Amino acid sequence: MLCHLLLSLLFTSSFAKKTVAPEDPSLPPLSHHCLESEAMAHLGTTDEIPDGYCGKTIRDMMERGWWDVTSKLVKECRARDFKLSGQIYKAKSNLNKQLNIITNLLSGPSALISPAFQWSQSKDYILINVKFAHKLDTPATLGVKSKGADIKSTELVFEAASKSKNKRFKLSLQLARAIVPEESEWSMAAVGRATFSLKKKHPETAWVKLLNPSQSLPQNMHTWWAMKEQHENDVKSLDTSLTDASAIKMASNQKNTTEETAPENVPTPQATETPVLEDLSLHPSDAIPTEATIDPIKAALKLEKQKAREAILNEAKTASDLTNARSEAEHTTIQRRKAEALLNLDNEYQEKMDL
């Protein structure tokens, strides 16, 4: 009998807790008051808080931010064993939702984030890795999309946004050197990143700086060490300059040297003299080469040979200057090529002299 009595008491106590208080249409809602103090005064005039205030009223008071009224109702209603968790958690969920909306407005359309980025270079390209975050060591924003990038000869402007996170990013760089926009590329990468490959206009030289001195250095700009190590051997062989001036001069020298030494641009004796012989075909006796006509031809060949020789020596000197602190083996190779070129030049013009 005692065992049955204990089980009965336990069963009765487990269901003794009341459910949510029923709504009472005749009960004046506390939300009709304009001030929390008025609602508190109303509750103070009653000898006992009505059960009808132990339901949805608690959620309404929480969402209104009337915390003193809410505390009083929760204490009284819990003392009467009403279930309050459902109403309280609903109010909490709605409040968190509204707070998140307000918090996201802090980075709304009017706020642009300058993203962190890394840069390096290969022989032909400037390489940039953008992370959609204000710092390199913070988590990236996912779901970012971009309509495109504006790439100019000395400028890069890139914008992207995440609607779900209500964030916008803008990267604006004034480049220190010239690039070729039509041969440059970019793409959205995984894990909240974007990458750029900007084609150098003058690949003869290495970039010492990425940005034009007129633009202040961003605090979130870093070296892309992985790419720097990957292309180190190619880049260290290039000439180092702060501007394109030396690259332009070097390219101009190379072009002039090529034009002077190119066989198709050097008029041969046959090309210059053949039209004269054709014109003199009406006077056969004058068309026969004499000592007077051979000497000017040899003189012209000697002048052409001298110019070609000077071009070879100048080219070898330029190549030698570019080596700077390179190895002795490279210097020896340059000298060997110069000697071979001079020897070939002598043989070529000796054959022309013997004609």
Protein backbone atom coordinates (compact mmCIF):
# COMPACT_ATOMS: atom_id res chain seq x y z
CA MET A 1 0.00 0.00 0.00
CA LEU A 2 2.79 2.44 0.87
CA CYS A 3 4.48 1.83 -2.51
CA HIS A 4 1.21 2.51 -4.36
CA LEU A 5 0.67 5.68 -2.33
CA LEU A 6 4.14 7.04 -3.21
CA LEU A 7 3.65 6.31 -6.91
CA SER A 8 0.29 8.09 -6.81
CA LEU A 9 1.83 11.18 -5.20
CA LEU A 10 4.64 11.30 -7.78
CA PHE A 11 2.19 10.92 -10.67
CA THR A 12 -0.04 13.68 -9.27
CA SER A 13 2.88 16.13 -8.72
CA SER A 14 4.26 15.58 -12.23
CA PHE A 15 1.04 16.94 -13.72
CA ALA A 16 0.41 19.57 -11.10
CA LYS A 17 2.14 22.34 -13.08
CA LYS A 18 -0.35 24.61 -14.84
CA THR A 19 -0.37 25.27 -18.56
CA VAL A 20 -0.28 28.75 -20.10
CA ALA A 21 -2.82 31.06 -18.53
CA PRO A 22 -6.01 31.42 -20.60
CA GLU A 23 -6.75 34.74 -22.25
CA ASP A 24 -9.27 36.91 -20.43
CA PRO A 25 -11.03 39.37 -22.80
CA SER A 26 -12.29 41.41 -19.89
CA LEU A 27 -8.75 41.97 -18.54
CA PRO A 28 -7.30 45.35 -19.61
CA PRO A 29 -4.03 44.73 -21.55
CA LEU A 30 -0.92 46.21 -19.97
CA SER A 31 0.23 47.27 -23.44
CA HIS A 32 -2.51 49.94 -23.45
CA HIS A 33 -0.41 51.98 -21.06
CA CYS A 34 1.98 54.48 -22.62
CA LEU A 35 4.67 54.21 -19.96
CA GLU A 36 6.13 51.28 -18.04
CA SER A 37 5.60 53.19 -14.79
CA GLU A 38 1.87 53.35 -15.55
CA ALA A 39 1.76 49.56 -16.08
CA MET A 40 3.64 49.01 -12.81
CA ALA A 41 1.21 51.34 -11.01
CA HIS A 42 -1.71 49.36 -12.45
CA LEU A 43 -0.28 46.08 -11.18
CA GLY A 44 0.29 47.65 -7.76
CA THR A 45 -3.36 48.55 -7.35
CA THR A 46 -4.48 44.92 -7.60
CA ASP A 47 -4.40 42.68 -4.57
CA GLU A 48 -3.21 39.81 -6.74
CA ILE A 49 -1.96 39.72 -10.33
CA PRO A 50 -4.65 38.08 -12.50
CA ASP A 51 -3.76 34.74 -14.08
CA GLY A 52 -4.57 36.23 -17.48
CA TYR A 53 -1.30 38.21 -17.31
CA CYS A 54 0.75 34.97 -17.15
CA GLY A 55 0.55 34.19 -20.86
CA LYS A 56 1.08 36.34 -23.97
CA THR A 57 1.32 39.50 -21.81
CA ILE A 58 4.83 38.47 -20.67
CA ARG A 59 5.99 38.21 -24.29
CA ASP A 60 4.46 41.60 -25.11
CA MET A 61 6.24 43.22 -22.17
CA MET A 62 9.60 41.73 -23.21
CA GLU A 63 9.27 42.91 -26.83
CA ARG A 64 8.33 46.37 -25.56
CA GLY A 65 11.44 46.41 -23.35
CA TRP A 66 9.51 46.83 -20.09
CA TRP A 67 11.87 44.73 -18.00
CA ASP A 68 10.57 45.72 -14.55
CA VAL A 69 7.04 44.68 -15.48
CA THR A 70 8.37 41.48 -17.05
CA SER A 71 10.34 40.56 -13.91
CA LYS A 72 7.31 41.11 -11.67
CA LEU A 73 5.05 38.98 -13.88
CA VAL A 74 7.59 36.14 -14.21
CA LYS A 75 8.09 35.93 -10.43
CA GLU A 76 4.36 35.91 -9.67
CA CYS A 77 3.40 33.49 -12.47
CA ARG A 78 6.21 31.03 -11.67
CA ALA A 79 5.01 30.98 -8.06
CA ARG A 80 1.67 29.76 -9.40
CA ASP A 81 3.36 27.04 -11.53
CA PHE A 82 2.39 28.49 -14.92
CA LYS A 83 4.46 27.42 -17.95
CA LEU A 84 6.36 30.52 -19.11
CA SER A 85 9.26 29.15 -21.20
CA GLY A 86 7.32 29.11 -24.49
CA GLN A 87 6.36 32.79 -24.35
CA ILE A 88 9.79 33.89 -23.09
CA TYR A 89 11.74 32.04 -25.79
CA LYS A 90 9.44 33.35 -28.53
CA ALA A 91 10.06 36.89 -27.35
CA LYS A 92 13.81 36.25 -27.15
CA SER A 93 13.91 34.87 -30.71
CA ASN A 94 12.04 37.88 -32.10
CA LEU A 95 14.30 40.30 -30.22
CA ASN A 96 17.47 38.58 -31.52
CA LYS A 97 16.14 38.79 -35.07
CA GLN A 98 15.53 42.52 -34.78
CA LEU A 99 18.92 43.08 -33.15
CA ASN A 100 20.68 41.27 -36.02
CA ILE A 101 18.92 43.48 -38.56
CA ILE A 102 20.05 46.60 -36.72
CA THR A 103 23.60 45.27 -36.32
CA ASN A 104 23.88 44.50 -40.04
CA LEU A 105 22.97 48.09 -40.82
CA LEU A 106 26.33 49.12 -39.37
CA SER A 107 27.96 47.77 -42.57
CA GLY A 108 25.13 48.79 -44.87
CA PRO A 109 25.31 50.33 -48.34
CA SER A 110 26.85 53.55 -47.04
CA ALA A 111 29.82 51.69 -45.50
CA LEU A 112 32.52 50.39 -47.87
CA ILE A 113 35.15 47.97 -46.63
CA SER A 114 38.64 48.17 -48.09
CA PRO A 115 39.60 44.47 -48.37
CA ALA A 116 42.94 43.05 -47.30
CA PHE A 117 45.19 41.90 -50.15
CA GLN A 118 48.60 40.42 -51.00
CA TRP A 119 50.76 41.15 -54.04
CA SER A 120 53.77 39.70 -55.81
CA GLN A 121 55.05 39.43 -59.38
CA SER A 122 56.31 37.05 -62.01
CA LYS A 123 58.47 38.01 -64.99
CA ASP A 124 55.46 39.19 -67.00
CA TYR A 125 52.62 39.75 -64.49
CA ILE A 126 51.69 41.56 -61.28
CA LEU A 127 49.81 39.07 -59.07
CA ILE A 128 47.21 40.22 -56.50
CA ASN A 129 45.22 38.08 -54.06
CA VAL A 130 42.19 39.84 -52.46
CA LYS A 131 40.50 38.58 -49.28
CA PHE A 132 36.98 39.79 -48.51
CA ALA A 133 37.79 40.91 -44.97
CA HIS A 134 39.22 44.09 -43.48
CA LYS A 135 42.23 42.15 -42.16
CA LEU A 136 44.22 39.25 -43.54
CA ASP A 137 43.98 37.24 -40.31
CA THR A 138 40.18 37.52 -39.90
CA PRO A 139 37.56 35.17 -41.44
CA ALA A 140 36.57 36.01 -45.02
CA THR A 141 33.02 36.93 -45.98
CA LEU A 142 31.43 34.17 -48.05
CA GLY A 143 28.85 34.53 -50.79
CA VAL A 144 30.47 37.66 -52.24
CA LYS A 145 29.71 38.50 -55.88
CA SER A 146 31.06 41.13 -58.27
CA LYS A 147 29.81 42.61 -61.53
CA GLY A 148 33.32 43.24 -62.80
CA ALA A 149 36.62 45.06 -62.39
CA ASP A 150 37.75 48.32 -63.99
CA ILE A 151 41.34 47.79 -65.11
CA LYS A 152 43.21 50.71 -66.70
CA SER A 153 46.85 51.28 -67.65
CA THR A 154 47.81 52.53 -64.17
CA GLU A 155 44.66 51.90 -62.11
CA LEU A 156 42.62 49.03 -60.69
CA VAL A 157 39.12 49.50 -59.21
CA PHE A 158 37.23 46.44 -58.00
CA GLU A 159 33.89 46.26 -56.14
CA ALA A 160 32.04 43.26 -54.70
CA ALA A 161 29.17 42.70 -52.26
CA SER A 162 27.44 40.09 -50.12
CA LYS A 163 23.67 40.56 -49.84
CA SER A 164 23.29 37.96 -47.11
CA LYS A 165 25.89 39.70 -44.91
CA ASN A 166 24.96 43.20 -46.12
CA LYS A 167 28.62 44.03 -46.80
CA ARG A 168 30.29 45.87 -49.68
CA PHE A 169 33.98 45.82 -50.59
CA LYS A 170 35.97 48.20 -52.78
CA LEU A 171 39.62 47.91 -53.80
CA SER A 172 41.06 51.03 -55.45
CA LEU A 173 44.75 51.00 -56.44
CA GLN A 174 46.82 53.61 -58.27
CA LEU A 175 49.62 51.52 -59.79
CA ALA A 176 53.24 52.63 -59.79
CA ARG A 177 53.92 51.29 -63.30
CA ALA A 178 52.00 50.72 -66.54
CA ILE A 179 50.13 47.51 -67.36
CA VAL A 180 48.29 46.17 -70.43
CA PRO A 181 44.55 46.10 -69.48
CA GLU A 182 43.43 43.97 -72.44
CA GLU A 183 45.92 41.23 -71.53
CA SER A 184 45.14 41.31 -67.79
CA GLU A 185 42.75 38.88 -66.09
CA TRP A 186 40.84 38.43 -62.83
CA SER A 187 38.56 35.79 -61.29
CA MET A 188 36.58 35.03 -58.15
CA ALA A 189 38.38 32.38 -56.13
CA ALA A 190 37.13 30.03 -53.43
CA VAL A 191 36.78 30.80 -49.71
CA GLY A 192 35.95 34.49 -50.07
CA ARG A 193 38.80 35.63 -52.34
CA ALA A 194 39.52 37.12 -55.78
CA THR A 195 42.76 36.99 -57.79
CA PHE A 196 44.24 39.33 -60.42
CA SER A 197 46.96 38.83 -63.06
CA LEU A 198 47.96 42.23 -64.44
CA LYS A 199 50.19 42.09 -67.54
CA LYS A 200 53.27 44.31 -67.25
CA LYS A 201 53.69 46.76 -70.12
CA HIS A 202 57.49 46.58 -69.73
CA PRO A 203 58.50 43.09 -68.57
CA GLU A 204 62.19 44.01 -68.92
CA THR A 205 62.19 45.35 -65.34
CA ALA A 206 60.94 44.26 -61.92
CA TRP A 207 58.50 46.34 -59.89
CA VAL A 208 59.97 47.60 -56.62
CA LYS A 209 56.65 49.12 -55.51
CA LEU A 210 53.04 48.30 -56.35
CA LEU A 211 51.42 51.68 -55.69
CA ASN A 212 52.01 55.16 -57.01
CA PRO A 213 53.66 57.44 -54.41
CA SER A 214 50.55 59.67 -54.53
CA GLN A 215 48.51 56.90 -52.84
CA SER A 216 49.07 56.19 -49.16
CA LEU A 217 50.00 52.60 -48.32
CA PRO A 218 47.01 50.60 -46.99
CA GLN A 219 47.64 48.95 -43.63
CA ASN A 220 46.09 45.72 -44.91
CA MET A 221 48.45 45.38 -47.91
CA HIS A 222 50.89 42.46 -47.62
CA THR A 223 53.48 40.56 -49.65
CA TRP A 224 52.23 37.37 -51.33
CA TRP A 225 55.13 35.26 -50.11
CA ALA A 226 54.04 32.00 -51.76
CA MET A 227 54.11 33.60 -55.23
CA LYS A 228 57.25 35.59 -54.44
CA GLU A 229 59.17 32.40 -53.69
CA GLN A 230 57.70 30.63 -56.72
CA HIS A 231 58.89 33.32 -59.20
CA GLU A 232 62.00 34.47 -57.33
CA ASN A 233 64.53 33.12 -59.84
CA ASP A 234 62.82 34.81 -62.81
CA VAL A 235 62.29 38.16 -61.10
CA LYS A 236 65.76 38.55 -59.61
CA SER A 237 67.29 38.44 -63.11
CA LEU A 238 65.33 41.55 -64.14
CA ASP A 239 66.48 45.14 -63.93
CA THR A 240 65.16 46.98 -60.86
CA SER A 241 63.65 50.42 -61.33
CA LEU A 242 61.13 52.66 -59.60
CA THR A 243 59.61 53.82 -62.89
CA ASP A 244 59.21 52.68 -66.49
CA ALA A 245 61.87 55.11 -67.73
CA SER A 246 64.72 52.61 -67.73
CA ALA A 247 62.52 49.90 -69.24
CA ILE A 248 61.46 52.22 -72.07
CA LYS A 249 65.07 53.21 -72.73
CA MET A 250 66.19 49.59 -72.69
CA ALA A 251 63.43 48.54 -75.09
CA SER A 252 64.31 51.45 -77.40
CA ASN A 253 67.99 50.46 -77.45
CA GLN A 254 67.14 46.88 -78.24
CA LYS A 255 64.83 47.97 -81.07
CA ASN A 256 67.45 50.24 -82.61
CA THR A 257 70.09 47.53 -82.39
CA THR A 258 67.77 45.02 -84.04
CA GLU A 259 66.93 47.39 -86.87
CA GLU A 260 70.62 48.14 -87.53
CA THR A 261 71.70 44.50 -87.55
CA ALA A 262 68.67 42.96 -89.30
CA PRO A 263 69.76 41.60 -92.74
CA GLU A 264 66.50 42.63 -94.40
CA ASN A 265 67.09 46.26 -93.46
CA VAL A 266 70.73 46.42 -94.71
CA PRO A 267 70.84 47.20 -98.43
CA THR A 268 73.13 44.84 -100.29
CA PRO A 269 75.34 45.97 -103.18
CA GLN A 270 73.27 43.92 -105.60
CA ALA A 271 70.08 45.67 -104.49
CA THR A 272 71.52 49.16 -104.92
CA GLU A 273 73.46 48.56 -108.13
CA THR A 274 71.11 46.33 -110.12
CA PRO A 275 68.70 49.15 -111.09
CA VAL A 276 71.71 51.19 -112.37
CA LEU A 277 72.86 48.32 -114.61
CA GLU A 278 69.33 47.89 -115.94
CA ASP A 279 69.16 51.60 -116.76
CA LEU A 280 72.55 51.38 -118.52
CA SER A 281 71.51 48.39 -120.63
CA LEU A 282 71.08 50.84 -123.53
CA HIS A 283 74.86 51.51 -123.27
CA PRO A 284 76.55 48.09 -122.96
CA SER A 285 80.00 49.53 -122.80
CA ASP A 286 79.15 51.60 -119.72
CA ALA A 287 77.48 48.64 -117.95
CA ILE A 288 80.76 46.71 -117.57
CA PRO A 289 82.09 47.22 -113.98
CA THR A 290 85.33 49.11 -113.87
CA GLU A 291 87.76 50.03 -111.11
CA ALA A 292 85.92 53.35 -110.78
CA THR A 293 82.64 51.55 -109.99
CA ILE A 294 84.14 48.82 -107.79
CA ASP A 295 85.86 51.19 -105.32
CA PRO A 296 82.61 52.94 -104.25
CA ILE A 297 80.98 49.53 -103.71
CA LYS A 298 83.84 48.40 -101.45
CA ALA A 299 83.72 51.69 -99.61
CA ALA A 300 79.98 51.20 -98.95
CA LEU A 301 80.57 47.63 -97.77
CA LYS A 302 83.29 48.76 -95.38
CA LEU A 303 80.97 51.40 -93.92
CA GLU A 304 78.17 48.87 -93.47
CA LYS A 305 80.57 46.43 -91.85
CA GLN A 306 81.77 49.10 -89.42
CA LYS A 307 78.20 49.93 -88.38
CA ALA A 308 77.36 46.25 -87.90
CA ARG A 309 80.52 45.78 -85.82
CA GLU A 310 79.65 48.74 -83.59
CA ALA A 311 76.13 47.36 -83.11
CA ILE A 312 77.52 43.97 -82.00
CA LEU A 313 79.90 45.64 -79.53
CA ASN A 314 77.16 47.90 -78.13
CA GLU A 315 74.78 44.95 -77.72
CA ALA A 316 77.45 42.94 -75.94
CA LYS A 317 78.21 45.91 -73.66
CA THR A 318 74.51 46.33 -72.80
CA ALA A 319 74.18 42.62 -72.01
CA SER A 320 77.34 42.78 -69.89
CA ASP A 321 76.05 45.81 -67.97
CA LEU A 322 72.80 44.01 -67.23
CA THR A 323 74.61 41.11 -65.61
CA ASN A 324 75.89 43.42 -62.82
CA ALA A 325 76.74 40.96 -60.07
CA ARG A 326 75.97 37.82 -62.06
CA SER A 327 78.26 34.81 -62.24
CA GLU A 328 81.53 34.69 -64.16
CA ALA A 329 80.09 31.94 -66.33
CA GLU A 330 77.41 34.27 -67.66
CA HIS A 331 80.01 36.93 -68.43
CA THR A 332 82.12 34.38 -70.31
CA THR A 333 79.09 33.29 -72.34
CA ILE A 334 78.43 36.89 -73.40
CA GLN A 335 82.06 37.35 -74.51
CA ARG A 336 82.00 34.09 -76.49
CA ARG A 337 78.85 35.12 -78.32
CA LYS A 338 80.39 38.49 -79.15
CA ALA A 339 83.51 36.83 -80.64
CA GLU A 340 81.38 34.46 -82.71
CA ALA A 341 79.28 37.35 -84.03
CA LEU A 342 82.37 39.33 -85.03
CA LEU A 343 83.86 36.30 -86.79
CA ASN A 344 80.65 35.67 -88.73
CA LEU A 345 80.57 39.36 -89.66
CA ASP A 346 84.11 39.22 -91.08
CA ASN A 347 83.32 36.11 -93.12
CA GLU A 348 80.08 37.55 -94.48
CA TYR A 349 81.63 40.82 -95.67
CA GLN A 350 84.74 39.10 -97.03
CA GLU A 351 82.48 37.09 -99.34
CA LYS A 352 80.79 40.31 -100.47
CA MET A 353 84.17 41.95 -101.13
CA ASP A 354 85.25 38.96 -103.28
CA LEU A 355 82.19 39.26 -105.54
